PDB file of N, CA and C in Angstrom:
ATOM      1  N   MET A   1     113.697  50.883  81.834  1.00  0.00           N
ATOM      2  CA  MET A   1     113.673  51.439  83.588  1.00  0.00           C
ATOM      3  C   MET A   1     113.010  50.661  84.267  1.00  0.00           C
ATOM      4  N   LYS A   2     113.585  50.694  85.593  1.00  0.00           N
ATOM      5  CA  LYS A   2     113.187  50.037  86.536  1.00  0.00           C
ATOM      6  C   LYS A   2     112.678  50.882  87.463  1.00  0.00           C
ATOM      7  N   GLN A   3     111.295  50.648  88.123  1.00  0.00           N
ATOM      8  CA  GLN A   3     110.988  51.536  89.284  1.00  0.00           C
ATOM      9  C   GLN A   3     111.757  51.512  90.446  1.00  0.00           C
ATOM     10  N   SER A   4     112.152  52.559  91.075  1.00  0.00           N
ATOM     11  CA  SER A   4     112.882  52.733  92.382  1.00  0.00           C
ATOM     12  C   SER A   4     112.125  53.056  93.526  1.00  0.00           C
ATOM     13  N   MET A   5     111.838  52.204  94.596  1.00  0.00           N
ATOM     14  CA  MET A   5     111.183  52.631  95.841  1.00  0.00           C
ATOM     15  C   MET A   5     112.353  52.396  96.775  1.00  0.00           C
ATOM     16  N   SER A   6     112.381  53.317  97.586  1.00  0.00           N
ATOM     17  CA  SER A   6     113.200  53.072  98.930  1.00  0.00           C
ATOM     18  C   SER A   6     112.705  52.195  99.759  1.00  0.00           C
ATOM     19  N   ARG A   7     113.455  51.593 100.548  1.00  0.00           N
ATOM     20  CA  ARG A   7     112.828  50.687 101.899  1.00  0.00           C
ATOM     21  C   ARG A   7     112.920  51.604 102.947  1.00  0.00           C
ATOM     22  N   VAL A   8     112.271  51.228 104.202  1.00  0.00           N
ATOM     23  CA  VAL A   8     112.220  52.012 105.265  1.00  0.00           C
ATOM     24  C   VAL A   8     113.608  51.806 105.888  1.00  0.00           C
ATOM     25  N   ALA A   9     114.305  53.254 106.239  1.00  0.00           N
ATOM     26  CA  ALA A   9     115.348  53.339 106.741  1.00  0.00           C
ATOM     27  C   ALA A   9     116.797  52.984 105.966  1.00  0.00           C
ATOM     28  N   HIS A  10     116.342  53.098 104.409  1.00  0.00           N
ATOM     29  CA  HIS A  10     117.537  52.696 103.601  1.00  0.00           C
ATOM     30  C   HIS A  10     117.306  53.866 102.589  1.00  0.00           C
ATOM     31  N   CYS A  11     117.816  55.356 103.089  1.00  0.00           N
ATOM     32  CA  CYS A  11     117.514  56.427 102.049  1.00  0.00           C
ATOM     33  C   CYS A  11     118.481  56.383 100.837  1.00  0.00           C
ATOM     34  N   ILE A  12     119.400  55.594 100.894  1.00  0.00           N
ATOM     35  CA  ILE A  12     120.307  55.438  99.959  1.00  0.00           C
ATOM     36  C   ILE A  12     119.980  54.630  98.746  1.00  0.00           C
ATOM     37  N   ASP A  13     119.009  53.955  98.561  1.00  0.00           N
ATOM     38  CA  ASP A  13     117.954  53.075  97.814  1.00  0.00           C
ATOM     39  C   ASP A  13     117.761  53.784  96.726  1.00  0.00           C
ATOM     40  N   ASN A  14     117.510  55.133  96.756  1.00  0.00           N
ATOM     41  CA  ASN A  14     116.742  55.917  95.509  1.00  0.00           C
ATOM     42  C   ASN A  14     117.970  56.888  95.199  1.00  0.00           C
ATOM     43  N   GLY A  15     119.056  56.761  95.601  1.00  0.00           N
ATOM     44  CA  GLY A  15     120.026  58.040  95.187  1.00  0.00           C
ATOM     45  C   GLY A  15     119.952  57.884  93.612  1.00  0.00           C
ATOM     46  N   PRO A  16     120.427  56.765  92.970  1.00  0.00           N
ATOM     47  CA  PRO A  16     120.789  56.895  91.549  1.00  0.00           C
ATOM     48  C   PRO A  16     119.822  57.392  90.679  1.00  0.00           C
ATOM     49  N   MET A  17     118.582  56.931  91.136  1.00  0.00           N
ATOM     50  CA  MET A  17     117.495  57.747  90.407  1.00  0.00           C
ATOM     51  C   MET A  17     117.342  59.254  90.658  1.00  0.00           C
ATOM     52  N   GLU A  18     117.280  59.504  91.793  1.00  0.00           N
ATOM     53  CA  GLU A  18     117.392  60.917  92.116  1.00  0.00           C
ATOM     54  C   GLU A  18     118.422  61.755  91.471  1.00  0.00           C
ATOM     55  N   GLY A  19     119.688  61.281  91.326  1.00  0.00           N
ATOM     56  CA  GLY A  19     120.731  61.767  90.610  1.00  0.00           C
ATOM     57  C   GLY A  19     120.420  61.876  89.201  1.00  0.00           C
ATOM     58  N   PHE A  20     119.820  60.862  88.411  1.00  0.00           N
ATOM     59  CA  PHE A  20     119.512  60.829  87.187  1.00  0.00           C
ATOM     60  C   PHE A  20     118.463  62.214  86.831  1.00  0.00           C
ATOM     61  N   TRP A  21     117.267  62.256  87.933  1.00  0.00           N
ATOM     62  CA  TRP A  21     116.384  63.158  87.542  1.00  0.00           C
ATOM     63  C   TRP A  21     117.076  64.708  87.448  1.00  0.00           C
ATOM     64  N   GLY A  22     118.249  64.840  88.561  1.00  0.00           N
ATOM     65  CA  GLY A  22     118.544  65.943  88.919  1.00  0.00           C
ATOM     66  C   GLY A  22     119.617  66.506  87.580  1.00  0.00           C
ATOM     67  N   ILE A  23     120.324  65.494  86.975  1.00  0.00           N
ATOM     68  CA  ILE A  23     120.988  65.799  85.795  1.00  0.00           C
ATOM     69  C   ILE A  23     120.278  66.181  84.659  1.00  0.00           C
ATOM     70  N   LEU A  24     119.084  65.419  84.406  1.00  0.00           N
ATOM     71  CA  LEU A  24     118.129  65.679  83.418  1.00  0.00           C
ATOM     72  C   LEU A  24     117.378  67.055  83.442  1.00  0.00           C
ATOM     73  N   LYS A  25     117.155  67.468  84.652  1.00  0.00           N
ATOM     74  CA  LYS A  25     116.349  68.594  84.803  1.00  0.00           C
ATOM     75  C   LYS A  25     117.711  69.822  84.673  1.00  0.00           C
ATOM     76  N   ARG A  26     118.865  69.532  84.816  1.00  0.00           N
ATOM     77  CA  ARG A  26     119.808  70.888  84.747  1.00  0.00           C
ATOM     78  C   ARG A  26     120.123  70.766  83.219  1.00  0.00           C
ATOM     79  N   GLU A  27     120.104  69.840  82.558  1.00  0.00           N
ATOM     80  CA  GLU A  27     120.706  69.594  81.311  1.00  0.00           C
ATOM     81  C   GLU A  27     119.740  69.952  80.353  1.00  0.00           C
ATOM     82  N   MET A  28     118.540  69.787  80.406  1.00  0.00           N
ATOM     83  CA  MET A  28     117.443  69.971  79.267  1.00  0.00           C
ATOM     84  C   MET A  28     116.141  70.576  79.783  1.00  0.00           C
ATOM     85  N   TYR A  29     115.936  71.031  81.147  1.00  0.00           N
ATOM     86  CA  TYR A  29     114.725  71.534  81.440  1.00  0.00           C
ATOM     87  C   TYR A  29     115.028  72.968  81.847  1.00  0.00           C
ATOM     88  N   TYR A  30     115.765  73.228  82.861  1.00  0.00           N
ATOM     89  CA  TYR A  30     115.871  74.391  83.350  1.00  0.00           C
ATOM     90  C   TYR A  30     116.520  75.336  82.524  1.00  0.00           C
ATOM     91  N   GLY A  31     115.438  76.634  82.759  1.00  0.00           N
ATOM     92  CA  GLY A  31     115.999  77.580  81.436  1.00  0.00           C
ATOM     93  C   GLY A  31     115.307  77.643  80.189  1.00  0.00           C
ATOM     94  N   ARG A  32     114.297  76.880  79.917  1.00  0.00           N
ATOM     95  CA  ARG A  32     113.689  76.474  78.879  1.00  0.00           C
ATOM     96  C   ARG A  32     112.218  76.618  79.017  1.00  0.00           C
ATOM     97  N   ARG A  33     111.451  76.912  78.162  1.00  0.00           N
ATOM     98  CA  ARG A  33     109.969  77.114  78.086  1.00  0.00           C
ATOM     99  C   ARG A  33     109.486  75.963  77.023  1.00  0.00           C
ATOM    100  N   PHE A  34     108.528  75.561  77.309  1.00  0.00           N
ATOM    101  CA  PHE A  34     107.776  74.334  76.340  1.00  0.00           C
ATOM    102  C   PHE A  34     106.378  74.795  76.233  1.00  0.00           C
ATOM    103  N   THR A  35     106.104  74.670  74.922  1.00  0.00           N
ATOM    104  CA  THR A  35     104.844  75.463  74.732  1.00  0.00           C
ATOM    105  C   THR A  35     103.615  74.301  75.005  1.00  0.00           C
ATOM    106  N   ASP A  36     103.912  73.209  75.272  1.00  0.00           N
ATOM    107  CA  ASP A  36     102.763  72.205  75.438  1.00  0.00           C
ATOM    108  C   ASP A  36     103.504  70.874  76.019  1.00  0.00           C
ATOM    109  N   ARG A  37     102.685  70.010  76.776  1.00  0.00           N
ATOM    110  CA  ARG A  37     103.061  68.612  77.167  1.00  0.00           C
ATOM    111  C   ARG A  37     103.817  67.753  76.271  1.00  0.00           C
ATOM    112  N   GLU A  38     103.103  67.760  74.914  1.00  0.00           N
ATOM    113  CA  GLU A  38     103.752  66.903  73.904  1.00  0.00           C
ATOM    114  C   GLU A  38     105.213  67.398  73.667  1.00  0.00           C
ATOM    115  N   GLU A  39     105.718  68.442  73.670  1.00  0.00           N
ATOM    116  CA  GLU A  39     106.994  68.928  73.397  1.00  0.00           C
ATOM    117  C   GLU A  39     107.813  68.583  74.666  1.00  0.00           C
ATOM    118  N   LEU A  40     107.530  68.668  75.846  1.00  0.00           N
ATOM    119  CA  LEU A  40     108.183  68.353  76.907  1.00  0.00           C
ATOM    120  C   LEU A  40     108.464  67.005  76.874  1.00  0.00           C
ATOM    121  N   VAL A  41     107.339  65.883  76.496  1.00  0.00           N
ATOM    122  CA  VAL A  41     107.399  64.503  76.534  1.00  0.00           C
ATOM    123  C   VAL A  41     108.460  64.135  75.392  1.00  0.00           C
ATOM    124  N   GLU A  42     108.565  64.748  74.464  1.00  0.00           N
ATOM    125  CA  GLU A  42     109.264  64.422  73.225  1.00  0.00           C
ATOM    126  C   GLU A  42     110.813  64.843  73.665  1.00  0.00           C
ATOM    127  N   THR A  43     110.798  65.929  74.017  1.00  0.00           N
ATOM    128  CA  THR A  43     112.135  66.501  74.539  1.00  0.00           C
ATOM    129  C   THR A  43     112.855  65.337  75.712  1.00  0.00           C
ATOM    130  N   ILE A  44     112.318  65.249  76.542  1.00  0.00           N
ATOM    131  CA  ILE A  44     112.775  64.285  77.699  1.00  0.00           C
ATOM    132  C   ILE A  44     113.029  62.711  76.866  1.00  0.00           C
ATOM    133  N   SER A  45     112.115  62.420  76.178  1.00  0.00           N
ATOM    134  CA  SER A  45     112.241  61.181  75.414  1.00  0.00           C
ATOM    135  C   SER A  45     113.703  61.120  74.407  1.00  0.00           C
ATOM    136  N   ASN A  46     113.933  62.227  73.741  1.00  0.00           N
ATOM    137  CA  ASN A  46     114.965  62.339  72.762  1.00  0.00           C
ATOM    138  C   ASN A  46     116.196  62.448  73.898  1.00  0.00           C
ATOM    139  N   TYR A  47     116.058  62.932  74.906  1.00  0.00           N
ATOM    140  CA  TYR A  47     117.049  63.092  76.043  1.00  0.00           C
ATOM    141  C   TYR A  47     117.816  61.440  76.266  1.00  0.00           C
ATOM    142  N   ILE A  48     116.537  61.033  76.850  1.00  0.00           N
ATOM    143  CA  ILE A  48     116.908  59.567  77.103  1.00  0.00           C
ATOM    144  C   ILE A  48     117.468  58.722  76.375  1.00  0.00           C
ATOM    145  N   ASP A  49     116.944  58.848  74.810  1.00  0.00           N
ATOM    146  CA  ASP A  49     117.347  57.807  73.779  1.00  0.00           C
ATOM    147  C   ASP A  49     118.686  58.106  73.532  1.00  0.00           C
ATOM    148  N   TYR A  50     119.287  59.691  73.594  1.00  0.00           N
ATOM    149  CA  TYR A  50     120.714  59.846  73.250  1.00  0.00           C
ATOM    150  C   TYR A  50     121.650  59.197  74.030  1.00  0.00           C
ATOM    151  N   TYR A  51     121.138  59.201  75.430  1.00  0.00           N
ATOM    152  CA  TYR A  51     122.074  58.636  76.601  1.00  0.00           C
ATOM    153  C   TYR A  51     121.706  57.383  76.795  1.00  0.00           C
TER     154      TYR A  51
END
């Protein structure tokens, strides 16, 4: 992955990354409960590896 930082007056620069995080949260985060940080990190890692 590459860090994405918006430039001044260019709000569209960060659009793809914002879209990615929105999809990730909808598909694997919302509606679930994680017992600890390690479980959350592992779940996110597995999700990214899958796609």
